[in-house]
Amino acid sequence: KEAGNMVDLDSNPTKLIEIVEIGKQLL
């Protein structure tokens, strides 16, 4: 958790795809 720059509170690895989509939505 210290090494990463995000923490998934649900511990669902699939959420990485959603994180990318949210980042693209921001841009």
mmCIF file of all heavy atoms, coordinates in Angstrom:
data_MODEL
# 
_entry.id   MODEL 
# 
loop_
_atom_site.group_PDB 
_atom_site.id 
_atom_site.type_symbol 
_atom_site.label_atom_id 
_atom_site.label_alt_id 
_atom_site.label_comp_id 
_atom_site.label_asym_id 
_atom_site.label_entity_id 
_atom_site.label_seq_id 
_atom_site.pdbx_PDB_ins_code 
_atom_site.Cartn_x 
_atom_site.Cartn_y 
_atom_site.Cartn_z 
_atom_site.occupancy 
_atom_site.B_iso_or_equiv 
_atom_site.pdbx_formal_charge 
_atom_site.auth_seq_id 
_atom_site.auth_comp_id 
_atom_site.auth_asym_id 
_atom_site.auth_atom_id 
_atom_site.pdbx_PDB_model_num 
ATOM 1   N N   . LYS A 1 1  ? 0.825   -1.214 0.000   1.00 0.00 ? 1  LYS A N   1 
ATOM 2   C CA  . LYS A 1 1  ? 0.000   0.000  0.000   1.00 0.00 ? 1  LYS A CA  1 
ATOM 3   C C   . LYS A 1 1  ? 0.857   1.262  0.000   1.00 0.00 ? 1  LYS A C   1 
ATOM 4   O O   . LYS A 1 1  ? 0.484   2.282  -0.577  1.00 0.00 ? 1  LYS A O   1 
ATOM 5   C CB  . LYS A 1 1  ? -0.954  -0.011 1.193   1.00 0.00 ? 1  LYS A CB  1 
ATOM 6   C CG  . LYS A 1 1  ? -2.071  -1.035 1.033   1.00 0.00 ? 1  LYS A CG  1 
ATOM 7   C CD  . LYS A 1 1  ? -3.195  -0.840 2.029   1.00 0.00 ? 1  LYS A CD  1 
ATOM 8   C CE  . LYS A 1 1  ? -2.873  -1.392 3.376   1.00 0.00 ? 1  LYS A CE  1 
ATOM 9   N NZ  . LYS A 1 1  ? -4.043  -1.427 4.279   1.00 0.00 ? 1  LYS A NZ  1 
ATOM 10  N N   . GLU A 1 2  ? 2.009   1.198  0.643   1.00 0.00 ? 2  GLU A N   1 
ATOM 11  C CA  . GLU A 1 2  ? 2.910   2.341  0.637   1.00 0.00 ? 2  GLU A CA  1 
ATOM 12  C C   . GLU A 1 2  ? 3.554   2.534  -0.731  1.00 0.00 ? 2  GLU A C   1 
ATOM 13  O O   . GLU A 1 2  ? 3.816   3.646  -1.168  1.00 0.00 ? 2  GLU A O   1 
ATOM 14  C CB  . GLU A 1 2  ? 4.000   2.159  1.703   1.00 0.00 ? 2  GLU A CB  1 
ATOM 15  C CG  . GLU A 1 2  ? 3.515   2.291  3.135   1.00 0.00 ? 2  GLU A CG  1 
ATOM 16  C CD  . GLU A 1 2  ? 3.026   3.695  3.445   1.00 0.00 ? 2  GLU A CD  1 
ATOM 17  O OE1 . GLU A 1 2  ? 3.551   4.660  2.861   1.00 0.00 ? 2  GLU A OE1 1 
ATOM 18  O OE2 . GLU A 1 2  ? 2.101   3.827  4.265   1.00 0.00 ? 2  GLU A OE2 1 
ATOM 19  N N   . ALA A 1 3  ? 3.816   1.421  -1.429  1.00 0.00 ? 3  ALA A N   1 
ATOM 20  C CA  . ALA A 1 3  ? 4.498   1.497  -2.722  1.00 0.00 ? 3  ALA A CA  1 
ATOM 21  C C   . ALA A 1 3  ? 3.575   1.999  -3.825  1.00 0.00 ? 3  ALA A C   1 
ATOM 22  O O   . ALA A 1 3  ? 4.010   2.714  -4.725  1.00 0.00 ? 3  ALA A O   1 
ATOM 23  C CB  . ALA A 1 3  ? 5.059   0.126  -3.098  1.00 0.00 ? 3  ALA A CB  1 
ATOM 24  N N   . GLY A 1 4  ? 2.295   1.631  -3.783  1.00 0.00 ? 4  GLY A N   1 
ATOM 25  C CA  . GLY A 1 4  ? 1.364   2.032  -4.836  1.00 0.00 ? 4  GLY A CA  1 
ATOM 26  C C   . GLY A 1 4  ? 0.934   3.475  -4.678  1.00 0.00 ? 4  GLY A C   1 
ATOM 27  O O   . GLY A 1 4  ? 1.108   4.096  -3.632  1.00 0.00 ? 4  GLY A O   1 
ATOM 28  N N   . ASN A 1 5  ? 0.371   4.046  -5.763  1.00 0.00 ? 5  ASN A N   1 
ATOM 29  C CA  . ASN A 1 5  ? -0.178  5.401  -5.661  1.00 0.00 ? 5  ASN A CA  1 
ATOM 30  C C   . ASN A 1 5  ? -1.702  5.398  -5.679  1.00 0.00 ? 5  ASN A C   1 
ATOM 31  O O   . ASN A 1 5  ? -2.331  6.442  -5.755  1.00 0.00 ? 5  ASN A O   1 
ATOM 32  C CB  . ASN A 1 5  ? 0.375   6.321  -6.762  1.00 0.00 ? 5  ASN A CB  1 
ATOM 33  C CG  . ASN A 1 5  ? 0.284   5.699  -8.146  1.00 0.00 ? 5  ASN A CG  1 
ATOM 34  O OD1 . ASN A 1 5  ? -0.540  4.820  -8.387  1.00 0.00 ? 5  ASN A OD1 1 
ATOM 35  N ND2 . ASN A 1 5  ? 1.134   6.149  -9.052  1.00 0.00 ? 5  ASN A ND2 1 
ATOM 36  N N   . MET A 1 6  ? -2.292  4.211  -5.622  1.00 0.00 ? 6  MET A N   1 
ATOM 37  C CA  . MET A 1 6  ? -3.731  4.055  -5.417  1.00 0.00 ? 6  MET A CA  1 
ATOM 38  C C   . MET A 1 6  ? -3.955  2.833  -4.534  1.00 0.00 ? 6  MET A C   1 
ATOM 39  O O   . MET A 1 6  ? -3.154  1.899  -4.553  1.00 0.00 ? 6  MET A O   1 
ATOM 40  C CB  . MET A 1 6  ? -4.481  3.859  -6.740  1.00 0.00 ? 6  MET A CB  1 
ATOM 41  C CG  . MET A 1 6  ? -4.530  5.069  -7.642  1.00 0.00 ? 6  MET A CG  1 
ATOM 42  S SD  . MET A 1 6  ? -5.653  4.780  -9.045  1.00 0.00 ? 6  MET A SD  1 
ATOM 43  C CE  . MET A 1 6  ? -5.342  6.275  -9.995  1.00 0.00 ? 6  MET A CE  1 
ATOM 44  N N   . VAL A 1 7  ? -5.055  2.854  -3.777  1.00 0.00 ? 7  VAL A N   1 
ATOM 45  C CA  . VAL A 1 7  ? -5.433  1.708  -2.955  1.00 0.00 ? 7  VAL A CA  1 
ATOM 46  C C   . VAL A 1 7  ? -6.889  1.380  -3.254  1.00 0.00 ? 7  VAL A C   1 
ATOM 47  O O   . VAL A 1 7  ? -7.763  2.246  -3.171  1.00 0.00 ? 7  VAL A O   1 
ATOM 48  C CB  . VAL A 1 7  ? -5.270  1.994  -1.447  1.00 0.00 ? 7  VAL A CB  1 
ATOM 49  C CG1 . VAL A 1 7  ? -5.753  0.816  -0.623  1.00 0.00 ? 7  VAL A CG1 1 
ATOM 50  C CG2 . VAL A 1 7  ? -3.816  2.304  -1.110  1.00 0.00 ? 7  VAL A CG2 1 
ATOM 51  N N   . ASP A 1 8  ? -7.144  0.122  -3.630  1.00 0.00 ? 8  ASP A N   1 
ATOM 52  C CA  . ASP A 1 8  ? -8.505  -0.338 -3.883  1.00 0.00 ? 8  ASP A CA  1 
ATOM 53  C C   . ASP A 1 8  ? -9.067  -0.917 -2.591  1.00 0.00 ? 8  ASP A C   1 
ATOM 54  O O   . ASP A 1 8  ? -8.625  -1.960 -2.123  1.00 0.00 ? 8  ASP A O   1 
ATOM 55  C CB  . ASP A 1 8  ? -8.498  -1.392 -4.993  1.00 0.00 ? 8  ASP A CB  1 
ATOM 56  C CG  . ASP A 1 8  ? -9.888  -1.969 -5.244  1.00 0.00 ? 8  ASP A CG  1 
ATOM 57  O OD1 . ASP A 1 8  ? -10.867 -1.334 -4.807  1.00 0.00 ? 8  ASP A OD1 1 
ATOM 58  O OD2 . ASP A 1 8  ? -9.981  -3.034 -5.861  1.00 0.00 ? 8  ASP A OD2 1 
ATOM 59  N N   . LEU A 1 9  ? -10.040 -0.225 -2.016  1.00 0.00 ? 9  LEU A N   1 
ATOM 60  C CA  . LEU A 1 9  ? -10.593 -0.645 -0.730  1.00 0.00 ? 9  LEU A CA  1 
ATOM 61  C C   . LEU A 1 9  ? -11.377 -1.947 -0.839  1.00 0.00 ? 9  LEU A C   1 
ATOM 62  O O   . LEU A 1 9  ? -11.547 -2.661 0.142   1.00 0.00 ? 9  LEU A O   1 
ATOM 63  C CB  . LEU A 1 9  ? -11.497 0.456  -0.168  1.00 0.00 ? 9  LEU A CB  1 
ATOM 64  C CG  . LEU A 1 9  ? -10.837 1.824  0.024   1.00 0.00 ? 9  LEU A CG  1 
ATOM 65  C CD1 . LEU A 1 9  ? -11.832 2.816  0.591   1.00 0.00 ? 9  LEU A CD1 1 
ATOM 66  C CD2 . LEU A 1 9  ? -9.613  1.715  0.906   1.00 0.00 ? 9  LEU A CD2 1 
ATOM 67  N N   . ASP A 1 10 ? -11.873 -2.266 -2.035  1.00 0.00 ? 10 ASP A N   1 
ATOM 68  C CA  . ASP A 1 10 ? -12.614 -3.511 -2.233  1.00 0.00 ? 10 ASP A CA  1 
ATOM 69  C C   . ASP A 1 10 ? -11.698 -4.678 -2.561  1.00 0.00 ? 10 ASP A C   1 
ATOM 70  O O   . ASP A 1 10 ? -12.153 -5.821 -2.640  1.00 0.00 ? 10 ASP A O   1 
ATOM 71  C CB  . ASP A 1 10 ? -13.629 -3.351 -3.374  1.00 0.00 ? 10 ASP A CB  1 
ATOM 72  C CG  . ASP A 1 10 ? -14.722 -2.357 -3.039  1.00 0.00 ? 10 ASP A CG  1 
ATOM 73  O OD1 . ASP A 1 10 ? -15.017 -2.204 -1.848  1.00 0.00 ? 10 ASP A OD1 1 
ATOM 74  O OD2 . ASP A 1 10 ? -15.256 -1.724 -3.966  1.00 0.00 ? 10 ASP A OD2 1 
ATOM 75  N N   . SER A 1 11 ? -10.420 -4.386 -2.812  1.00 0.00 ? 11 SER A N   1 
ATOM 76  C CA  . SER A 1 11 ? -9.446  -5.430 -3.172  1.00 0.00 ? 11 SER A CA  1 
ATOM 77  C C   . SER A 1 11 ? -9.928  -6.266 -4.353  1.00 0.00 ? 11 SER A C   1 
ATOM 78  O O   . SER A 1 11 ? -9.906  -7.494 -4.331  1.00 0.00 ? 11 SER A O   1 
ATOM 79  C CB  . SER A 1 11 ? -9.150  -6.325 -1.956  1.00 0.00 ? 11 SER A CB  1 
ATOM 80  O OG  . SER A 1 11 ? -8.624  -5.565 -0.894  1.00 0.00 ? 11 SER A OG  1 
ATOM 81  N N   . ASN A 1 12 ? -10.385 -5.569 -5.384  1.00 0.00 ? 12 ASN A N   1 
ATOM 82  C CA  . ASN A 1 12 ? -10.874 -6.222 -6.602  1.00 0.00 ? 12 ASN A CA  1 
ATOM 83  C C   . ASN A 1 12 ? -9.927  -5.888 -7.748  1.00 0.00 ? 12 ASN A C   1 
ATOM 84  O O   . ASN A 1 12 ? -9.978  -4.789 -8.296  1.00 0.00 ? 12 ASN A O   1 
ATOM 85  C CB  . ASN A 1 12 ? -12.286 -5.741 -6.924  1.00 0.00 ? 12 ASN A CB  1 
ATOM 86  C CG  . ASN A 1 12 ? -12.810 -6.300 -8.231  1.00 0.00 ? 12 ASN A CG  1 
ATOM 87  O OD1 . ASN A 1 12 ? -12.226 -7.217 -8.814  1.00 0.00 ? 12 ASN A OD1 1 
ATOM 88  N ND2 . ASN A 1 12 ? -13.911 -5.749 -8.708  1.00 0.00 ? 12 ASN A ND2 1 
ATOM 89  N N   . PRO A 1 13 ? -9.046  -6.810 -8.136  1.00 0.00 ? 13 PRO A N   1 
ATOM 90  C CA  . PRO A 1 13 ? -8.045  -6.496 -9.163  1.00 0.00 ? 13 PRO A CA  1 
ATOM 91  C C   . PRO A 1 13 ? -8.644  -6.068 -10.496 1.00 0.00 ? 13 PRO A C   1 
ATOM 92  O O   . PRO A 1 13 ? -8.024  -5.319 -11.247 1.00 0.00 ? 13 PRO A O   1 
ATOM 93  C CB  . PRO A 1 13 ? -7.272  -7.811 -9.321  1.00 0.00 ? 13 PRO A CB  1 
ATOM 94  C CG  . PRO A 1 13 ? -7.521  -8.565 -8.054  1.00 0.00 ? 13 PRO A CG  1 
ATOM 95  C CD  . PRO A 1 13 ? -8.901  -8.192 -7.638  1.00 0.00 ? 13 PRO A CD  1 
ATOM 96  N N   . THR A 1 14 ? -9.852  -6.527 -10.803 1.00 0.00 ? 14 THR A N   1 
ATOM 97  C CA  . THR A 1 14 ? -10.496 -6.160 -12.064 1.00 0.00 ? 14 THR A CA  1 
ATOM 98  C C   . THR A 1 14 ? -10.744 -4.658 -12.153 1.00 0.00 ? 14 THR A C   1 
ATOM 99  O O   . THR A 1 14 ? -10.873 -4.104 -13.246 1.00 0.00 ? 14 THR A O   1 
ATOM 100 C CB  . THR A 1 14 ? -11.839 -6.906 -12.207 1.00 0.00 ? 14 THR A CB  1 
ATOM 101 O OG1 . THR A 1 14 ? -11.624 -8.286 -11.935 1.00 0.00 ? 14 THR A OG1 1 
ATOM 102 C CG2 . THR A 1 14 ? -12.408 -6.777 -13.598 1.00 0.00 ? 14 THR A CG2 1 
ATOM 103 N N   . LYS A 1 15 ? -10.794 -3.993 -11.003 1.00 0.00 ? 15 LYS A N   1 
ATOM 104 C CA  . LYS A 1 15 ? -11.123 -2.573 -10.985 1.00 0.00 ? 15 LYS A CA  1 
ATOM 105 C C   . LYS A 1 15 ? -10.071 -1.718 -11.684 1.00 0.00 ? 15 LYS A C   1 
ATOM 106 O O   . LYS A 1 15 ? -10.322 -0.549 -12.005 1.00 0.00 ? 15 LYS A O   1 
ATOM 107 C CB  . LYS A 1 15 ? -11.315 -2.104 -9.550  1.00 0.00 ? 15 LYS A CB  1 
ATOM 108 C CG  . LYS A 1 15 ? -12.163 -0.853 -9.430  1.00 0.00 ? 15 LYS A CG  1 
ATOM 109 C CD  . LYS A 1 15 ? -12.402 -0.470 -7.991  1.00 0.00 ? 15 LYS A CD  1 
ATOM 110 C CE  . LYS A 1 15 ? -13.313 -1.449 -7.298  1.00 0.00 ? 15 LYS A CE  1 
ATOM 111 N NZ  . LYS A 1 15 ? -13.588 -1.077 -5.908  1.00 0.00 ? 15 LYS A NZ  1 
ATOM 112 N N   . LEU A 1 16 ? -8.903  -2.274 -11.951 1.00 0.00 ? 16 LEU A N   1 
ATOM 113 C CA  . LEU A 1 16 ? -7.861  -1.528 -12.661 1.00 0.00 ? 16 LEU A CA  1 
ATOM 114 C C   . LEU A 1 16 ? -8.389  -1.024 -14.000 1.00 0.00 ? 16 LEU A C   1 
ATOM 115 O O   . LEU A 1 16 ? -8.054  0.086  -14.439 1.00 0.00 ? 16 LEU A O   1 
ATOM 116 C CB  . LEU A 1 16 ? -6.630  -2.415 -12.871 1.00 0.00 ? 16 LEU A CB  1 
ATOM 117 C CG  . LEU A 1 16 ? -5.445  -1.792 -13.604 1.00 0.00 ? 16 LEU A CG  1 
ATOM 118 C CD1 . LEU A 1 16 ? -4.960  -0.542 -12.892 1.00 0.00 ? 16 LEU A CD1 1 
ATOM 119 C CD2 . LEU A 1 16 ? -4.314  -2.797 -13.724 1.00 0.00 ? 16 LEU A CD2 1 
ATOM 120 N N   . ILE A 1 17 ? -9.228  -1.818 -14.654 1.00 0.00 ? 17 ILE A N   1 
ATOM 121 C CA  . ILE A 1 17 ? -9.796  -1.402 -15.937 1.00 0.00 ? 17 ILE A CA  1 
ATOM 122 C C   . ILE A 1 17 ? -10.698 -0.186 -15.743 1.00 0.00 ? 17 ILE A C   1 
ATOM 123 O O   . ILE A 1 17 ? -10.659 0.765  -16.528 1.00 0.00 ? 17 ILE A O   1 
ATOM 124 C CB  . ILE A 1 17 ? -10.570 -2.574 -16.573 1.00 0.00 ? 17 ILE A CB  1 
ATOM 125 C CG1 . ILE A 1 17 ? -9.621  -3.747 -16.835 1.00 0.00 ? 17 ILE A CG1 1 
ATOM 126 C CG2 . ILE A 1 17 ? -11.244 -2.150 -17.870 1.00 0.00 ? 17 ILE A CG2 1 
ATOM 127 C CD1 . ILE A 1 17 ? -10.299 -4.999 -17.334 1.00 0.00 ? 17 ILE A CD1 1 
ATOM 128 N N   . GLU A 1 18 ? -11.509 -0.187 -14.683 1.00 0.00 ? 18 GLU A N   1 
ATOM 129 C CA  . GLU A 1 18 ? -12.376 0.954  -14.406 1.00 0.00 ? 18 GLU A CA  1 
ATOM 130 C C   . GLU A 1 18 ? -11.567 2.188  -14.048 1.00 0.00 ? 18 GLU A C   1 
ATOM 131 O O   . GLU A 1 18 ? -11.930 3.315  -14.411 1.00 0.00 ? 18 GLU A O   1 
ATOM 132 C CB  . GLU A 1 18 ? -13.339 0.609  -13.263 1.00 0.00 ? 18 GLU A CB  1 
ATOM 133 C CG  . GLU A 1 18 ? -14.299 -0.526 -13.589 1.00 0.00 ? 18 GLU A CG  1 
ATOM 134 C CD  . GLU A 1 18 ? -15.168 -0.887 -12.405 1.00 0.00 ? 18 GLU A CD  1 
ATOM 135 O OE1 . GLU A 1 18 ? -15.051 -0.228 -11.351 1.00 0.00 ? 18 GLU A OE1 1 
ATOM 136 O OE2 . GLU A 1 18 ? -15.962 -1.836 -12.525 1.00 0.00 ? 18 GLU A OE2 1 
ATOM 137 N N   . ILE A 1 19 ? -10.456 2.003  -13.339 1.00 0.00 ? 19 ILE A N   1 
ATOM 138 C CA  . ILE A 1 19 ? -9.605  3.130  -12.967 1.00 0.00 ? 19 ILE A CA  1 
ATOM 139 C C   . ILE A 1 19 ? -9.062  3.818  -14.222 1.00 0.00 ? 19 ILE A C   1 
ATOM 140 O O   . ILE A 1 19 ? -9.041  5.056  -14.315 1.00 0.00 ? 19 ILE A O   1 
ATOM 141 C CB  . ILE A 1 19 ? -8.451  2.657  -12.064 1.00 0.00 ? 19 ILE A CB  1 
ATOM 142 C CG1 . ILE A 1 19 ? -8.993  2.248  -10.692 1.00 0.00 ? 19 ILE A CG1 1 
ATOM 143 C CG2 . ILE A 1 19 ? -7.386  3.736  -11.910 1.00 0.00 ? 19 ILE A CG2 1 
ATOM 144 C CD1 . ILE A 1 19 ? -7.983  1.549  -9.809  1.00 0.00 ? 19 ILE A CD1 1 
ATOM 145 N N   . VAL A 1 20 ? -8.645  3.023  -15.192 1.00 0.00 ? 20 VAL A N   1 
ATOM 146 C CA  . VAL A 1 20 ? -8.150  3.592  -16.451 1.00 0.00 ? 20 VAL A CA  1 
ATOM 147 C C   . VAL A 1 20 ? -9.261  4.379  -17.149 1.00 0.00 ? 20 VAL A C   1 
ATOM 148 O O   . VAL A 1 20 ? -9.038  5.479  -17.666 1.00 0.00 ? 20 VAL A O   1 
ATOM 149 C CB  . VAL A 1 20 ? -7.616  2.474  -17.365 1.00 0.00 ? 20 VAL A CB  1 
ATOM 150 C CG1 . VAL A 1 20 ? -7.326  2.996  -18.768 1.00 0.00 ? 20 VAL A CG1 1 
ATOM 151 C CG2 . VAL A 1 20 ? -6.356  1.866  -16.771 1.00 0.00 ? 20 VAL A CG2 1 
ATOM 152 N N   . GLU A 1 21 ? -10.472 3.831  -17.140 1.00 0.00 ? 21 GLU A N   1 
ATOM 153 C CA  . GLU A 1 21 ? -11.584 4.521  -17.793 1.00 0.00 ? 21 GLU A CA  1 
ATOM 154 C C   . GLU A 1 21 ? -11.917 5.834  -17.089 1.00 0.00 ? 21 GLU A C   1 
ATOM 155 O O   . GLU A 1 21 ? -12.231 6.837  -17.741 1.00 0.00 ? 21 GLU A O   1 
ATOM 156 C CB  . GLU A 1 21 ? -12.806 3.603  -17.827 1.00 0.00 ? 21 GLU A CB  1 
ATOM 157 C CG  . GLU A 1 21 ? -12.621 2.407  -18.764 1.00 0.00 ? 21 GLU A CG  1 
ATOM 158 C CD  . GLU A 1 21 ? -13.803 1.460  -18.750 1.00 0.00 ? 21 GLU A CD  1 
ATOM 159 O OE1 . GLU A 1 21 ? -14.647 1.576  -17.836 1.00 0.00 ? 21 GLU A OE1 1 
ATOM 160 O OE2 . GLU A 1 21 ? -13.895 0.603  -19.647 1.00 0.00 ? 21 GLU A OE2 1 
ATOM 161 N N   . ILE A 1 22 ? -11.845 5.850  -15.748 1.00 0.00 ? 22 ILE A N   1 
ATOM 162 C CA  . ILE A 1 22 ? -12.108 7.085  -15.000 1.00 0.00 ? 22 ILE A CA  1 
ATOM 163 C C   . ILE A 1 22 ? -11.034 8.122  -15.314 1.00 0.00 ? 22 ILE A C   1 
ATOM 164 O O   . ILE A 1 22 ? -11.321 9.319  -15.479 1.00 0.00 ? 22 ILE A O   1 
ATOM 165 C CB  . ILE A 1 22 ? -12.176 6.800  -13.491 1.00 0.00 ? 22 ILE A CB  1 
ATOM 166 C CG1 . ILE A 1 22 ? -13.437 5.990  -13.164 1.00 0.00 ? 22 ILE A CG1 1 
ATOM 167 C CG2 . ILE A 1 22 ? -12.158 8.102  -12.679 1.00 0.00 ? 22 ILE A CG2 1 
ATOM 168 C CD1 . ILE A 1 22 ? -13.496 5.494  -11.735 1.00 0.00 ? 22 ILE A CD1 1 
ATOM 169 N N   . GLY A 1 23 ? -9.761  7.685  -15.409 1.00 0.00 ? 23 GLY A N   1 
ATOM 170 C CA  . GLY A 1 23 ? -8.688  8.605  -15.764 1.00 0.00 ? 23 GLY A CA  1 
ATOM 171 C C   . GLY A 1 23 ? -8.890  9.200  -17.138 1.00 0.00 ? 23 GLY A C   1 
ATOM 172 O O   . GLY A 1 23 ? -8.689  10.408 -17.353 1.00 0.00 ? 23 GLY A O   1 
ATOM 173 N N   . LYS A 1 24 ? -9.300  8.375  -18.098 1.00 0.00 ? 24 LYS A N   1 
ATOM 174 C CA  . LYS A 1 24 ? -9.545  8.878  -19.446 1.00 0.00 ? 24 LYS A CA  1 
ATOM 175 C C   . LYS A 1 24 ? -10.741 9.821  -19.462 1.00 0.00 ? 24 LYS A C   1 
ATOM 176 O O   . LYS A 1 24 ? -10.752 10.821 -20.190 1.00 0.00 ? 24 LYS A O   1 
ATOM 177 C CB  . LYS A 1 24 ? -9.768  7.710  -20.415 1.00 0.00 ? 24 LYS A CB  1 
ATOM 178 C CG  . LYS A 1 24 ? -8.481  6.961  -20.744 1.00 0.00 ? 24 LYS A CG  1 
ATOM 179 C CD  . LYS A 1 24 ? -8.660  6.011  -21.890 1.00 0.00 ? 24 LYS A CD  1 
ATOM 180 C CE  . LYS A 1 24 ? -7.336  5.380  -22.277 1.00 0.00 ? 24 LYS A CE  1 
ATOM 181 N NZ  . LYS A 1 24 ? -6.359  6.356  -22.798 1.00 0.00 ? 24 LYS A NZ  1 
ATOM 182 N N   . GLN A 1 25 ? -11.752 9.507  -18.655 1.00 0.00 ? 25 GLN A N   1 
ATOM 183 C CA  . GLN A 1 25 ? -12.917 10.387 -18.585 1.00 0.00 ? 25 GLN A CA  1 
ATOM 184 C C   . GLN A 1 25 ? -12.526 11.768 -18.056 1.00 0.00 ? 25 GLN A C   1 
ATOM 185 O O   . GLN A 1 25 ? -13.011 12.796 -18.540 1.00 0.00 ? 25 GLN A O   1 
ATOM 186 C CB  . GLN A 1 25 ? -13.994 9.772  -17.694 1.00 0.00 ? 25 GLN A CB  1 
ATOM 187 C CG  . GLN A 1 25 ? -15.292 10.570 -17.678 1.00 0.00 ? 25 GLN A CG  1 
ATOM 188 C CD  . GLN A 1 25 ? -16.314 10.006 -16.727 1.00 0.00 ? 25 GLN A CD  1 
ATOM 189 O OE1 . GLN A 1 25 ? -15.975 9.445  -15.688 1.00 0.00 ? 25 GLN A OE1 1 
ATOM 190 N NE2 . GLN A 1 25 ? -17.589 10.146 -17.051 1.00 0.00 ? 25 GLN A NE2 1 
ATOM 191 N N   . LEU A 1 26 ? -11.613 11.804 -17.075 1.00 0.00 ? 26 LEU A N   1 
ATOM 192 C CA  . LEU A 1 26 ? -11.135 13.079 -16.541 1.00 0.00 ? 26 LEU A CA  1 
ATOM 193 C C   . LEU A 1 26 ? -10.460 13.898 -17.634 1.00 0.00 ? 26 LEU A C   1 
ATOM 194 O O   . LEU A 1 26 ? -10.742 15.091 -17.807 1.00 0.00 ? 26 LEU A O   1 
ATOM 195 C CB  . LEU A 1 26 ? -10.159 12.824 -15.386 1.00 0.00 ? 26 LEU A CB  1 
ATOM 196 C CG  . LEU A 1 26 ? -9.348  14.026 -14.900 1.00 0.00 ? 26 LEU A CG  1 
ATOM 197 C CD1 . LEU A 1 26 ? -10.258 15.074 -14.293 1.00 0.00 ? 26 LEU A CD1 1 
ATOM 198 C CD2 . LEU A 1 26 ? -8.281  13.605 -13.907 1.00 0.00 ? 26 LEU A CD2 1 
ATOM 199 N N   . LEU A 1 27 ? -9.560  13.268 -18.393 1.00 0.00 ? 27 LEU A N   1 
ATOM 200 C CA  . LEU A 1 27 ? -8.841  13.990 -19.449 1.00 0.00 ? 27 LEU A CA  1 
ATOM 201 C C   . LEU A 1 27 ? -9.794  14.453 -20.545 1.00 0.00 ? 27 LEU A C   1 
ATOM 202 O O   . LEU A 1 27 ? -9.661  15.568 -21.067 1.00 0.00 ? 27 LEU A O   1 
ATOM 203 C CB  . LEU A 1 27 ? -7.756  13.087 -20.041 1.00 0.00 ? 27 LEU A CB  1 
ATOM 204 C CG  . LEU A 1 27 ? -6.647  12.638 -19.079 1.00 0.00 ? 27 LEU A CG  1 
ATOM 205 C CD1 . LEU A 1 27 ? -5.660  11.736 -19.800 1.00 0.00 ? 27 LEU A CD1 1 
ATOM 206 C CD2 . LEU A 1 27 ? -5.924  13.830 -18.477 1.00 0.00 ? 27 LEU A CD2 1 
# 
